[in-house]
Amino acid sequence: MPELPRISGAQAIKVFEKLGFKVVRQKGSHVVLRKLDKGCVVPIHKQLATGTLKSAIRQASISADDFVNTYKKG
């Protein structure tokens, strides 16, 4: 598993959107994204903890490699 980047919640949401997820709702600082029957919750923080980002990637049922590669493509 590649080392996950230290990114903000807003940057993580942009990466998930590039992977085909859509923002469906927000309550407070937590944004819920969904793609078909898979979804994930991403908090809007200045910097996400590595475990929090890993959890969102696991909820979305995507690989960390796909997430990191999409992030690096910009």
PDB file of N, CA and C in Angstrom:
ATOM      1  N   MET A   1       0.846  -1.176   0.000  1.00  0.00           N
ATOM      2  CA  MET A   1       0.000   0.000   0.000  1.00  0.00           C
ATOM      3  C   MET A   1       0.893   1.241   0.000  1.00  0.00           C
ATOM      4  N   PRO A   2       0.599   2.189  -0.891  1.00  0.00           N
ATOM      5  CA  PRO A   2       1.431   3.389  -0.964  1.00  0.00           C
ATOM      6  C   PRO A   2       1.183   4.291   0.245  1.00  0.00           C
ATOM      7  N   GLU A   3       2.128   5.166   0.493  1.00  0.00           N
ATOM      8  CA  GLU A   3       1.957   6.122   1.577  1.00  0.00           C
ATOM      9  C   GLU A   3       0.894   7.136   1.157  1.00  0.00           C
ATOM     10  N   LEU A   4      -0.079   7.348   2.021  1.00  0.00           N
ATOM     11  CA  LEU A   4      -1.166   8.274   1.697  1.00  0.00           C
ATOM     12  C   LEU A   4      -0.691   9.707   1.879  1.00  0.00           C
ATOM     13  N   PRO A   5      -1.119  10.600   1.001  1.00  0.00           N
ATOM     14  CA  PRO A   5      -0.693  11.997   1.109  1.00  0.00           C
ATOM     15  C   PRO A   5      -1.386  12.692   2.271  1.00  0.00           C
ATOM     16  N   ARG A   6      -0.757  13.698   2.822  1.00  0.00           N
ATOM     17  CA  ARG A   6      -1.365  14.519   3.870  1.00  0.00           C
ATOM     18  C   ARG A   6      -2.126  15.635   3.154  1.00  0.00           C
ATOM     19  N   ILE A   7      -3.441  15.477   3.060  1.00  0.00           N
ATOM     20  CA  ILE A   7      -4.259  16.423   2.304  1.00  0.00           C
ATOM     21  C   ILE A   7      -5.430  16.886   3.152  1.00  0.00           C
ATOM     22  N   SER A   8      -6.083  17.935   2.700  1.00  0.00           N
ATOM     23  CA  SER A   8      -7.259  18.450   3.397  1.00  0.00           C
ATOM     24  C   SER A   8      -8.497  17.655   2.980  1.00  0.00           C
ATOM     25  N   GLY A   9      -9.564  17.869   3.724  1.00  0.00           N
ATOM     26  CA  GLY A   9     -10.818  17.207   3.391  1.00  0.00           C
ATOM     27  C   GLY A   9     -11.333  17.643   2.025  1.00  0.00           C
ATOM     28  N   ALA A  10     -11.192  18.930   1.708  1.00  0.00           N
ATOM     29  CA  ALA A  10     -11.654  19.437   0.411  1.00  0.00           C
ATOM     30  C   ALA A  10     -10.878  18.796  -0.739  1.00  0.00           C
ATOM     31  N   GLN A  11      -9.571  18.604  -0.569  1.00  0.00           N
ATOM     32  CA  GLN A  11      -8.775  17.958  -1.607  1.00  0.00           C
ATOM     33  C   GLN A  11      -9.189  16.496  -1.769  1.00  0.00           C
ATOM     34  N   ALA A  12      -9.467  15.827  -0.662  1.00  0.00           N
ATOM     35  CA  ALA A  12      -9.896  14.429  -0.726  1.00  0.00           C
ATOM     36  C   ALA A  12     -11.226  14.311  -1.467  1.00  0.00           C
ATOM     37  N   ILE A  13     -12.139  15.242  -1.223  1.00  0.00           N
ATOM     38  CA  ILE A  13     -13.440  15.224  -1.900  1.00  0.00           C
ATOM     39  C   ILE A  13     -13.245  15.383  -3.403  1.00  0.00           C
ATOM     40  N   LYS A  14     -12.330  16.267  -3.816  1.00  0.00           N
ATOM     41  CA  LYS A  14     -12.068  16.457  -5.244  1.00  0.00           C
ATOM     42  C   LYS A  14     -11.536  15.170  -5.880  1.00  0.00           C
ATOM     43  N   VAL A  15     -10.683  14.449  -5.163  1.00  0.00           N
ATOM     44  CA  VAL A  15     -10.147  13.195  -5.689  1.00  0.00           C
ATOM     45  C   VAL A  15     -11.271  12.169  -5.826  1.00  0.00           C
ATOM     46  N   PHE A  16     -12.123  12.066  -4.801  1.00  0.00           N
ATOM     47  CA  PHE A  16     -13.245  11.128  -4.881  1.00  0.00           C
ATOM     48  C   PHE A  16     -14.181  11.489  -6.040  1.00  0.00           C
ATOM     49  N   GLU A  17     -14.389  12.788  -6.282  1.00  0.00           N
ATOM     50  CA  GLU A  17     -15.239  13.203  -7.400  1.00  0.00           C
ATOM     51  C   GLU A  17     -14.614  12.792  -8.737  1.00  0.00           C
ATOM     52  N   LYS A  18     -13.297  12.877  -8.850  1.00  0.00           N
ATOM     53  CA  LYS A  18     -12.627  12.441 -10.074  1.00  0.00           C
ATOM     54  C   LYS A  18     -12.759  10.935 -10.273  1.00  0.00           C
ATOM     55  N   LEU A  19     -12.945  10.211  -9.177  1.00  0.00           N
ATOM     56  CA  LEU A  19     -13.130   8.763  -9.241  1.00  0.00           C
ATOM     57  C   LEU A  19     -14.594   8.381  -9.468  1.00  0.00           C
ATOM     58  N   GLY A  20     -15.459   9.375  -9.671  1.00  0.00           N
ATOM     59  CA  GLY A  20     -16.849   9.098 -10.011  1.00  0.00           C
ATOM     60  C   GLY A  20     -17.846   9.254  -8.878  1.00  0.00           C
ATOM     61  N   PHE A  21     -17.401   9.663  -7.699  1.00  0.00           N
ATOM     62  CA  PHE A  21     -18.320   9.859  -6.576  1.00  0.00           C
ATOM     63  C   PHE A  21     -18.982  11.228  -6.670  1.00  0.00           C
ATOM     64  N   LYS A  22     -20.188  11.326  -6.135  1.00  0.00           N
ATOM     65  CA  LYS A  22     -20.942  12.584  -6.111  1.00  0.00           C
ATOM     66  C   LYS A  22     -21.256  12.944  -4.667  1.00  0.00           C
ATOM     67  N   VAL A  23     -21.217  14.241  -4.368  1.00  0.00           N
ATOM     68  CA  VAL A  23     -21.606  14.705  -3.043  1.00  0.00           C
ATOM     69  C   VAL A  23     -23.129  14.619  -2.961  1.00  0.00           C
ATOM     70  N   VAL A  24     -23.649  13.895  -1.961  1.00  0.00           N
ATOM     71  CA  VAL A  24     -25.096  13.755  -1.836  1.00  0.00           C
ATOM     72  C   VAL A  24     -25.659  14.587  -0.697  1.00  0.00           C
ATOM     73  N   ARG A  25     -24.853  14.805   0.356  1.00  0.00           N
ATOM     74  CA  ARG A  25     -25.325  15.663   1.439  1.00  0.00           C
ATOM     75  C   ARG A  25     -24.167  16.048   2.342  1.00  0.00           C
ATOM     76  N   GLN A  26     -24.451  17.047   3.187  1.00  0.00           N
ATOM     77  CA  GLN A  26     -23.464  17.499   4.159  1.00  0.00           C
ATOM     78  C   GLN A  26     -24.186  17.850   5.440  1.00  0.00           C
ATOM     79  N   LYS A  27     -23.634  17.421   6.556  1.00  0.00           N
ATOM     80  CA  LYS A  27     -24.172  17.789   7.858  1.00  0.00           C
ATOM     81  C   LYS A  27     -23.008  18.264   8.698  1.00  0.00           C
ATOM     82  N   GLY A  28     -22.998  19.549   8.985  1.00  0.00           N
ATOM     83  CA  GLY A  28     -21.865  20.121   9.703  1.00  0.00           C
ATOM     84  C   GLY A  28     -20.626  20.076   8.837  1.00  0.00           C
ATOM     85  N   SER A  29     -19.565  19.478   9.380  1.00  0.00           N
ATOM     86  CA  SER A  29     -18.312  19.426   8.624  1.00  0.00           C
ATOM     87  C   SER A  29     -18.115  18.083   7.926  1.00  0.00           C
ATOM     88  N   HIS A  30     -19.140  17.238   7.900  1.00  0.00           N
ATOM     89  CA  HIS A  30     -19.007  15.922   7.271  1.00  0.00           C
ATOM     90  C   HIS A  30     -19.783  15.861   5.960  1.00  0.00           C
ATOM     91  N   VAL A  31     -19.086  15.474   4.897  1.00  0.00           N
ATOM     92  CA  VAL A  31     -19.676  15.378   3.563  1.00  0.00           C
ATOM     93  C   VAL A  31     -19.824  13.898   3.216  1.00  0.00           C
ATOM     94  N   VAL A  32     -21.000  13.534   2.720  1.00  0.00           N
ATOM     95  CA  VAL A  32     -21.262  12.154   2.313  1.00  0.00           C
ATOM     96  C   VAL A  32     -21.208  12.097   0.797  1.00  0.00           C
ATOM     97  N   LEU A  33     -20.388  11.184   0.274  1.00  0.00           N
ATOM     98  CA  LEU A  33     -20.252  10.976  -1.166  1.00  0.00           C
ATOM     99  C   LEU A  33     -20.775   9.595  -1.504  1.00  0.00           C
ATOM    100  N   ARG A  34     -21.314   9.447  -2.709  1.00  0.00           N
ATOM    101  CA  ARG A  34     -21.877   8.163  -3.105  1.00  0.00           C
ATOM    102  C   ARG A  34     -21.612   7.909  -4.579  1.00  0.00           C
ATOM    103  N   LYS A  35     -21.404   6.626  -4.888  1.00  0.00           N
ATOM    104  CA  LYS A  35     -21.258   6.153  -6.267  1.00  0.00           C
ATOM    105  C   LYS A  35     -21.942   4.801  -6.311  1.00  0.00           C
ATOM    106  N   LEU A  36     -23.059   4.726  -7.021  1.00  0.00           N
ATOM    107  CA  LEU A  36     -23.875   3.515  -7.073  1.00  0.00           C
ATOM    108  C   LEU A  36     -24.231   3.083  -5.648  1.00  0.00           C
ATOM    109  N   ASP A  37     -23.812   1.884  -5.235  1.00  0.00           N
ATOM    110  CA  ASP A  37     -24.162   1.426  -3.894  1.00  0.00           C
ATOM    111  C   ASP A  37     -23.031   1.624  -2.888  1.00  0.00           C
ATOM    112  N   LYS A  38     -21.960   2.305  -3.266  1.00  0.00           N
ATOM    113  CA  LYS A  38     -20.827   2.551  -2.373  1.00  0.00           C
ATOM    114  C   LYS A  38     -20.830   4.010  -1.943  1.00  0.00           C
ATOM    115  N   GLY A  39     -20.393   4.262  -0.738  1.00  0.00           N
ATOM    116  CA  GLY A  39     -20.350   5.623  -0.246  1.00  0.00           C
ATOM    117  C   GLY A  39     -19.253   5.794   0.780  1.00  0.00           C
ATOM    118  N   CYS A  40     -18.974   7.039   1.109  1.00  0.00           N
ATOM    119  CA  CYS A  40     -17.985   7.328   2.134  1.00  0.00           C
ATOM    120  C   CYS A  40     -18.279   8.693   2.745  1.00  0.00           C
ATOM    121  N   VAL A  41     -17.722   8.907   3.923  1.00  0.00           N
ATOM    122  CA  VAL A  41     -17.886  10.159   4.652  1.00  0.00           C
ATOM    123  C   VAL A  41     -16.514  10.793   4.799  1.00  0.00           C
ATOM    124  N   VAL A  42     -16.424  12.078   4.424  1.00  0.00           N
ATOM    125  CA  VAL A  42     -15.151  12.800   4.521  1.00  0.00           C
ATOM    126  C   VAL A  42     -15.377  14.072   5.333  1.00  0.00           C
ATOM    127  N   PRO A  43     -14.628  14.256   6.418  1.00  0.00           N
ATOM    128  CA  PRO A  43     -14.764  15.504   7.176  1.00  0.00           C
ATOM    129  C   PRO A  43     -14.015  16.640   6.485  1.00  0.00           C
ATOM    130  N   ILE A  44     -14.565  17.836   6.586  1.00  0.00           N
ATOM    131  CA  ILE A  44     -13.911  19.014   6.013  1.00  0.00           C
ATOM    132  C   ILE A  44     -12.955  19.566   7.074  1.00  0.00           C
ATOM    133  N   HIS A  45     -11.732  19.074   7.068  1.00  0.00           N
ATOM    134  CA  HIS A  45     -10.700  19.535   7.986  1.00  0.00           C
ATOM    135  C   HIS A  45      -9.528  20.061   7.174  1.00  0.00           C
ATOM    136  N   LYS A  46      -8.706  20.896   7.812  1.00  0.00           N
ATOM    137  CA  LYS A  46      -7.547  21.452   7.112  1.00  0.00           C
ATOM    138  C   LYS A  46      -6.565  20.365   6.720  1.00  0.00           C
ATOM    139  N   GLN A  47      -6.432  19.348   7.579  1.00  0.00           N
ATOM    140  CA  GLN A  47      -5.554  18.229   7.259  1.00  0.00           C
ATOM    141  C   GLN A  47      -6.182  16.969   7.845  1.00  0.00           C
ATOM    142  N   LEU A  48      -6.395  15.974   6.985  1.00  0.00           N
ATOM    143  CA  LEU A  48      -6.994  14.722   7.428  1.00  0.00           C
ATOM    144  C   LEU A  48      -5.926  13.836   8.060  1.00  0.00           C
ATOM    145  N   ALA A  49      -6.297  13.176   9.140  1.00  0.00           N
ATOM    146  CA  ALA A  49      -5.408  12.173   9.724  1.00  0.00           C
ATOM    147  C   ALA A  49      -5.310  11.008   8.742  1.00  0.00           C
ATOM    148  N   THR A  50      -4.191  10.338   8.738  1.00  0.00           N
ATOM    149  CA  THR A  50      -3.975   9.231   7.815  1.00  0.00           C
ATOM    150  C   THR A  50      -5.032   8.152   7.999  1.00  0.00           C
ATOM    151  N   GLY A  51      -5.371   7.840   9.245  1.00  0.00           N
ATOM    152  CA  GLY A  51      -6.377   6.826   9.523  1.00  0.00           C
ATOM    153  C   GLY A  51      -7.754   7.218   9.029  1.00  0.00           C
ATOM    154  N   THR A  52      -8.083   8.500   9.103  1.00  0.00           N
ATOM    155  CA  THR A  52      -9.376   8.994   8.625  1.00  0.00           C
ATOM    156  C   THR A  52      -9.472   8.852   7.113  1.00  0.00           C
ATOM    157  N   LEU A  53      -8.401   9.220   6.413  1.00  0.00           N
ATOM    158  CA  LEU A  53      -8.386   9.082   4.953  1.00  0.00           C
ATOM    159  C   LEU A  53      -8.432   7.615   4.553  1.00  0.00           C
ATOM    160  N   LYS A  54      -7.694   6.774   5.257  1.00  0.00           N
ATOM    161  CA  LYS A  54      -7.692   5.337   4.977  1.00  0.00           C
ATOM    162  C   LYS A  54      -9.098   4.758   5.166  1.00  0.00           C
ATOM    163  N   SER A  55      -9.794   5.211   6.197  1.00  0.00           N
ATOM    164  CA  SER A  55     -11.158   4.741   6.458  1.00  0.00           C
ATOM    165  C   SER A  55     -12.108   5.151   5.333  1.00  0.00           C
ATOM    166  N   ALA A  56     -11.992   6.387   4.857  1.00  0.00           N
ATOM    167  CA  ALA A  56     -12.846   6.852   3.761  1.00  0.00           C
ATOM    168  C   ALA A  56     -12.583   6.049   2.490  1.00  0.00           C
ATOM    169  N   ILE A  57     -11.322   5.736   2.221  1.00  0.00           N
ATOM    170  CA  ILE A  57     -10.970   4.943   1.038  1.00  0.00           C
ATOM    171  C   ILE A  57     -11.549   3.538   1.167  1.00  0.00           C
ATOM    172  N   ARG A  58     -11.475   2.965   2.360  1.00  0.00           N
ATOM    173  CA  ARG A  58     -12.021   1.625   2.596  1.00  0.00           C
ATOM    174  C   ARG A  58     -13.552   1.632   2.437  1.00  0.00           C
ATOM    175  N   GLN A  59     -14.227   2.667   2.969  1.00  0.00           N
ATOM    176  CA  GLN A  59     -15.682   2.782   2.835  1.00  0.00           C
ATOM    177  C   GLN A  59     -16.080   2.845   1.367  1.00  0.00           C
ATOM    178  N   ALA A  60     -15.277   3.528   0.558  1.00  0.00           N
ATOM    179  CA  ALA A  60     -15.578   3.714  -0.856  1.00  0.00           C
ATOM    180  C   ALA A  60     -15.266   2.472  -1.692  1.00  0.00           C
ATOM    181  N   SER A  61     -14.639   1.483  -1.094  1.00  0.00           N
ATOM    182  CA  SER A  61     -14.265   0.239  -1.782  1.00  0.00           C
ATOM    183  C   SER A  61     -13.365   0.485  -2.997  1.00  0.00           C
ATOM    184  N   ILE A  62     -12.410   1.381  -2.823  1.00  0.00           N
ATOM    185  CA  ILE A  62     -11.414   1.601  -3.861  1.00  0.00           C
ATOM    186  C   ILE A  62     -10.044   1.274  -3.260  1.00  0.00           C
ATOM    187  N   SER A  63      -9.059   1.094  -4.103  1.00  0.00           N
ATOM    188  CA  SER A  63      -7.719   0.797  -3.578  1.00  0.00           C
ATOM    189  C   SER A  63      -6.990   2.107  -3.280  1.00  0.00           C
ATOM    190  N   ALA A  64      -6.073   2.015  -2.337  1.00  0.00           N
ATOM    191  CA  ALA A  64      -5.256   3.181  -2.005  1.00  0.00           C
ATOM    192  C   ALA A  64      -4.421   3.604  -3.208  1.00  0.00           C
ATOM    193  N   ASP A  65      -3.995   2.620  -4.020  1.00  0.00           N
ATOM    194  CA  ASP A  65      -3.223   2.940  -5.230  1.00  0.00           C
ATOM    195  C   ASP A  65      -4.031   3.814  -6.185  1.00  0.00           C
ATOM    196  N   ASP A  66      -5.317   3.455  -6.395  1.00  0.00           N
ATOM    197  CA  ASP A  66      -6.171   4.258  -7.276  1.00  0.00           C
ATOM    198  C   ASP A  66      -6.322   5.673  -6.741  1.00  0.00           C
ATOM    199  N   PHE A  67      -6.514   5.803  -5.434  1.00  0.00           N
ATOM    200  CA  PHE A  67      -6.678   7.120  -4.827  1.00  0.00           C
ATOM    201  C   PHE A  67      -5.422   7.963  -5.011  1.00  0.00           C
ATOM    202  N   VAL A  68      -4.264   7.388  -4.679  1.00  0.00           N
ATOM    203  CA  VAL A  68      -2.996   8.129  -4.766  1.00  0.00           C
ATOM    204  C   VAL A  68      -2.677   8.512  -6.208  1.00  0.00           C
ATOM    205  N   ASN A  69      -2.884   7.577  -7.146  1.00  0.00           N
ATOM    206  CA  ASN A  69      -2.622   7.875  -8.567  1.00  0.00           C
ATOM    207  C   ASN A  69      -3.515   8.991  -9.079  1.00  0.00           C
ATOM    208  N   THR A  70      -4.791   8.970  -8.703  1.00  0.00           N
ATOM    209  CA  THR A  70      -5.713  10.029  -9.120  1.00  0.00           C
ATOM    210  C   THR A  70      -5.313  11.362  -8.496  1.00  0.00           C
ATOM    211  N   TYR A  71      -4.878  11.345  -7.246  1.00  0.00           N
ATOM    212  CA  TYR A  71      -4.429  12.567  -6.571  1.00  0.00           C
ATOM    213  C   TYR A  71      -3.204  13.154  -7.273  1.00  0.00           C
ATOM    214  N   LYS A  72      -2.257  12.304  -7.644  1.00  0.00           N
ATOM    215  CA  LYS A  72      -1.014  12.778  -8.278  1.00  0.00           C
ATOM    216  C   LYS A  72      -1.260  13.317  -9.686  1.00  0.00           C
ATOM    217  N   LYS A  73      -2.305  12.804 -10.370  1.00  0.00           N
ATOM    218  CA  LYS A  73      -2.608  13.307 -11.722  1.00  0.00           C
ATOM    219  C   LYS A  73      -3.117  14.726 -11.680  1.00  0.00           C
ATOM    220  N   GLY A  74      -3.607  15.141 -10.523  1.00  0.00           N
ATOM    221  CA  GLY A  74      -4.037  16.522 -10.362  1.00  0.00           C
ATOM    222  C   GLY A  74      -5.422  16.719 -10.719  1.00  0.00           C
TER     223      GLY A  74
END
